[in-house]
N, C-alpha and C. Protein backbone atom coordinates (compact mmCIF):
# COMPACT_ATOMS: atom_id res chain seq x y z
N MET A 1 5.10 8.61 -6.36
CA MET A 1 4.22 7.85 -6.28
C MET A 1 4.87 6.42 -7.07
N GLU A 2 5.67 6.78 -7.85
CA GLU A 2 6.14 5.57 -8.48
C GLU A 2 7.18 4.87 -7.63
N GLU A 3 7.61 5.57 -6.50
CA GLU A 3 8.87 4.77 -5.59
C GLU A 3 7.79 4.13 -4.88
N PHE A 4 6.77 4.67 -4.49
CA PHE A 4 5.62 4.06 -3.50
C PHE A 4 5.25 2.63 -4.05
N TYR A 5 5.10 2.40 -5.60
CA TYR A 5 4.41 1.38 -6.33
C TYR A 5 5.39 0.61 -6.59
N GLY A 6 6.72 0.63 -6.46
CA GLY A 6 7.87 0.12 -6.66
C GLY A 6 8.03 -1.02 -5.69
N LYS A 7 8.03 -0.35 -4.43
CA LYS A 7 7.84 -0.80 -2.98
C LYS A 7 6.98 -1.59 -2.73
N LEU A 8 5.69 -1.15 -3.29
CA LEU A 8 4.85 -2.14 -3.04
C LEU A 8 4.96 -3.62 -3.73
N ALA A 9 5.02 -3.25 -5.23
CA ALA A 9 5.52 -4.11 -6.05
C ALA A 9 6.24 -5.37 -5.60
N GLU A 10 7.49 -4.90 -4.71
CA GLU A 10 8.63 -5.39 -4.01
C GLU A 10 8.14 -6.37 -2.92
N ILE A 11 6.95 -6.03 -2.03
CA ILE A 11 6.85 -6.45 -0.89
C ILE A 11 5.53 -7.60 -1.62
N LEU A 12 4.99 -7.75 -2.39
CA LEU A 12 4.08 -8.24 -3.13
C LEU A 12 5.03 -9.74 -3.96
N GLU A 13 6.27 -9.08 -4.47
CA GLU A 13 6.83 -10.07 -5.44
C GLU A 13 6.20 -10.26 -6.56
N VAL A 14 5.81 -9.20 -7.19
CA VAL A 14 5.60 -8.74 -8.63
C VAL A 14 6.33 -7.92 -9.30
N ASP A 15 6.16 -7.95 -10.72
CA ASP A 15 6.78 -7.24 -11.84
C ASP A 15 6.69 -5.73 -11.58
N GLU A 16 5.32 -5.46 -11.05
CA GLU A 16 5.19 -4.28 -11.23
C GLU A 16 3.23 -3.98 -10.46
N VAL A 17 3.28 -2.60 -10.05
CA VAL A 17 2.14 -2.56 -9.42
C VAL A 17 1.38 -1.16 -9.86
N ASN A 18 0.37 -0.99 -10.74
CA ASN A 18 -0.11 0.00 -10.90
C ASN A 18 -1.70 0.70 -10.29
N GLY A 19 -1.28 2.06 -10.38
CA GLY A 19 -2.64 2.71 -9.20
C GLY A 19 -3.86 2.28 -9.57
N SER A 20 -4.40 1.76 -10.76
CA SER A 20 -5.60 1.07 -10.73
C SER A 20 -5.70 -0.23 -10.16
N ASP A 21 -4.78 -1.10 -9.72
CA ASP A 21 -4.67 -2.56 -9.54
C ASP A 21 -5.75 -2.37 -8.01
N VAL A 22 -6.36 -3.48 -8.06
CA VAL A 22 -7.19 -3.21 -6.97
C VAL A 22 -6.36 -4.47 -5.98
N LEU A 23 -6.23 -4.29 -4.96
CA LEU A 23 -5.19 -4.97 -4.07
C LEU A 23 -5.81 -6.39 -3.73
N GLU A 24 -7.00 -6.25 -3.29
CA GLU A 24 -7.64 -7.37 -2.55
C GLU A 24 -7.65 -8.53 -3.84
N ASP A 25 -7.75 -7.79 -5.09
CA ASP A 25 -7.45 -9.10 -6.54
C ASP A 25 -6.49 -9.67 -6.61
N LEU A 26 -5.21 -9.08 -6.26
CA LEU A 26 -4.28 -9.14 -6.23
C LEU A 26 -3.94 -10.76 -5.68
N PRO A 27 -3.58 -11.76 -6.08
CA PRO A 27 -3.27 -13.04 -5.54
C PRO A 27 -2.42 -13.00 -4.01
N GLU A 28 -1.52 -11.97 -4.57
CA GLU A 28 -0.32 -11.98 -3.80
C GLU A 28 -0.70 -10.96 -2.55
N TRP A 29 -1.91 -10.60 -2.67
CA TRP A 29 -1.93 -9.59 -1.22
C TRP A 29 -2.95 -10.79 -0.23
N ASP A 30 -2.21 -11.09 0.94
CA ASP A 30 -2.91 -11.54 2.02
C ASP A 30 -2.33 -11.05 2.93
N SER A 31 -2.72 -11.53 4.43
CA SER A 31 -2.47 -10.58 5.96
C SER A 31 -1.06 -10.57 5.94
N LEU A 32 -0.23 -11.00 5.68
CA LEU A 32 1.36 -11.23 5.70
C LEU A 32 1.65 -9.73 4.86
N SER A 33 0.88 -9.82 3.44
CA SER A 33 1.76 -8.74 2.93
C SER A 33 1.02 -7.32 3.20
N VAL A 34 -0.14 -7.44 3.91
CA VAL A 34 -0.78 -6.32 4.49
C VAL A 34 -0.03 -5.65 5.60
N LEU A 35 0.84 -6.60 6.49
CA LEU A 35 1.40 -6.23 7.76
C LEU A 35 3.02 -5.41 7.27
N SER A 36 3.20 -6.51 5.93
CA SER A 36 4.63 -5.76 5.47
C SER A 36 4.45 -4.21 4.96
N VAL A 37 3.21 -4.34 3.94
CA VAL A 37 3.02 -3.00 3.47
C VAL A 37 2.94 -1.81 4.81
N ILE A 38 2.18 -2.10 5.96
CA ILE A 38 1.92 -1.48 6.94
C ILE A 38 3.38 -1.04 7.83
N ALA A 39 4.35 -2.17 7.73
CA ALA A 39 5.79 -1.68 8.17
C ALA A 39 6.41 -1.02 7.07
N MET A 40 6.15 -0.69 6.11
CA MET A 40 6.92 -0.34 5.18
C MET A 40 6.45 1.23 5.20
N ILE A 41 5.38 1.27 5.24
CA ILE A 41 4.70 2.68 5.01
C ILE A 41 5.22 3.41 6.48
N ASP A 42 4.81 2.72 7.51
CA ASP A 42 5.64 3.22 8.72
C ASP A 42 7.09 3.83 8.78
N CYS A 43 7.73 2.63 8.42
CA CYS A 43 9.37 3.29 8.21
C CYS A 43 9.42 4.54 7.01
N GLY A 44 9.03 4.26 6.12
CA GLY A 44 9.05 4.97 4.57
C GLY A 44 8.54 6.20 4.89
N TYR A 45 7.09 6.40 5.18
CA TYR A 45 6.56 7.90 5.41
C TYR A 45 6.20 8.16 6.58
N GLY A 46 6.66 7.41 7.55
CA GLY A 46 5.99 7.80 9.04
C GLY A 46 4.51 7.88 9.58
N ILE A 47 4.09 7.14 8.90
CA ILE A 47 2.68 7.17 8.89
C ILE A 47 2.32 5.82 9.59
N ASN A 48 1.52 6.09 10.74
CA ASN A 48 0.93 4.76 11.26
C ASN A 48 -0.41 3.85 10.86
N LEU A 49 -0.49 3.26 9.95
CA LEU A 49 -1.96 2.64 9.44
C LEU A 49 -2.33 1.29 10.07
N ASN A 50 -3.52 1.05 10.44
CA ASN A 50 -3.87 -0.46 11.09
C ASN A 50 -4.69 -1.37 9.91
N ALA A 51 -4.79 -2.27 10.08
CA ALA A 51 -5.32 -3.35 9.10
C ALA A 51 -6.82 -2.17 8.76
N ARG A 52 -7.47 -1.72 9.81
CA ARG A 52 -8.99 -1.25 9.78
C ARG A 52 -8.34 -0.09 8.37
N ASP A 53 -7.50 0.46 8.36
CA ASP A 53 -7.23 1.41 7.40
C ASP A 53 -7.49 0.85 6.00
N PHE A 54 -6.73 -0.48 5.71
CA PHE A 54 -7.27 -0.74 4.56
C PHE A 54 -8.70 -1.20 3.90
N LYS A 55 -9.41 -1.19 4.67
CA LYS A 55 -10.65 -1.43 4.18
C LYS A 55 -11.41 -0.52 3.59
N GLN A 56 -10.75 0.99 3.90
CA GLN A 56 -11.28 2.24 3.05
C GLN A 56 -10.52 2.27 1.72
N VAL A 57 -9.62 1.30 1.40
CA VAL A 57 -9.14 1.72 0.37
C VAL A 57 -9.10 0.01 -0.85
N GLY A 58 -9.15 0.98 -2.01
CA GLY A 58 -9.55 -0.56 -3.16
C GLY A 58 -8.21 -0.73 -3.86
N THR A 59 -8.08 0.40 -4.25
CA THR A 59 -6.79 0.29 -5.43
C THR A 59 -5.35 0.69 -4.71
N ALA A 60 -4.45 0.50 -5.30
CA ALA A 60 -3.20 1.33 -4.75
C ALA A 60 -3.02 2.67 -4.96
N GLN A 61 -3.64 3.50 -5.77
CA GLN A 61 -3.69 4.61 -5.99
C GLN A 61 -4.29 4.81 -4.51
N SER A 62 -5.49 4.66 -4.37
CA SER A 62 -6.19 4.79 -2.95
C SER A 62 -5.27 4.68 -1.68
N LEU A 63 -4.55 3.79 -1.85
CA LEU A 63 -3.82 3.69 -0.61
C LEU A 63 -2.58 4.92 -0.49
N TYR A 64 -1.96 5.15 -1.75
CA TYR A 64 -1.00 6.28 -1.81
C TYR A 64 -1.72 7.11 -1.53
N GLU A 65 -3.11 7.54 -1.82
CA GLU A 65 -4.06 9.16 -1.61
C GLU A 65 -4.22 9.26 0.02
N LEU A 66 -4.56 7.91 0.73
CA LEU A 66 -4.48 7.91 2.11
C LEU A 66 -3.51 8.37 3.01
N ILE A 67 -2.18 7.94 2.09
CA ILE A 67 -1.27 7.95 2.79
C ILE A 67 -0.55 9.65 3.04
N GLU A 68 -0.81 9.91 2.01
CA GLU A 68 -0.57 11.57 1.47
C GLU A 68 -1.16 12.44 2.28
N GLN A 69 -2.94 11.63 2.58
CA GLN A 69 -3.77 12.90 3.52
C GLN A 69 -3.30 12.46 4.61
N LYS A 70 -2.60 11.84 5.24
CA LYS A 70 -2.56 11.30 6.26
C LYS A 70 -1.24 12.08 6.91
N ARG A 71 -0.09 12.36 5.50
CA ARG A 71 0.97 13.20 6.11
C ARG A 71 0.58 14.82 5.92
N GLY A 72 -0.79 14.97 5.22
CA GLY A 72 -0.99 16.56 5.00
C GLY A 72 -0.69 16.73 3.73
N VAL A 73 -0.35 16.44 2.72
CA VAL A 73 0.01 16.82 1.66
C VAL A 73 -0.86 16.64 0.55
């Protein structure tokens, strides 16, 4: 999980991302960062998400949980 938050922080160009961080509240969260996160999830986790999937997640933790759910973990 910490590795995922680290990758997310790198994409958003912030020092750190915590599970409780609301993604849409982050000033760095925009359409380009969403696309970058989609690409990171696809390459790093083998999960194909689309922008619509992001509407059901609010926090970094809920995004991680969605990935785990889709991976069947």
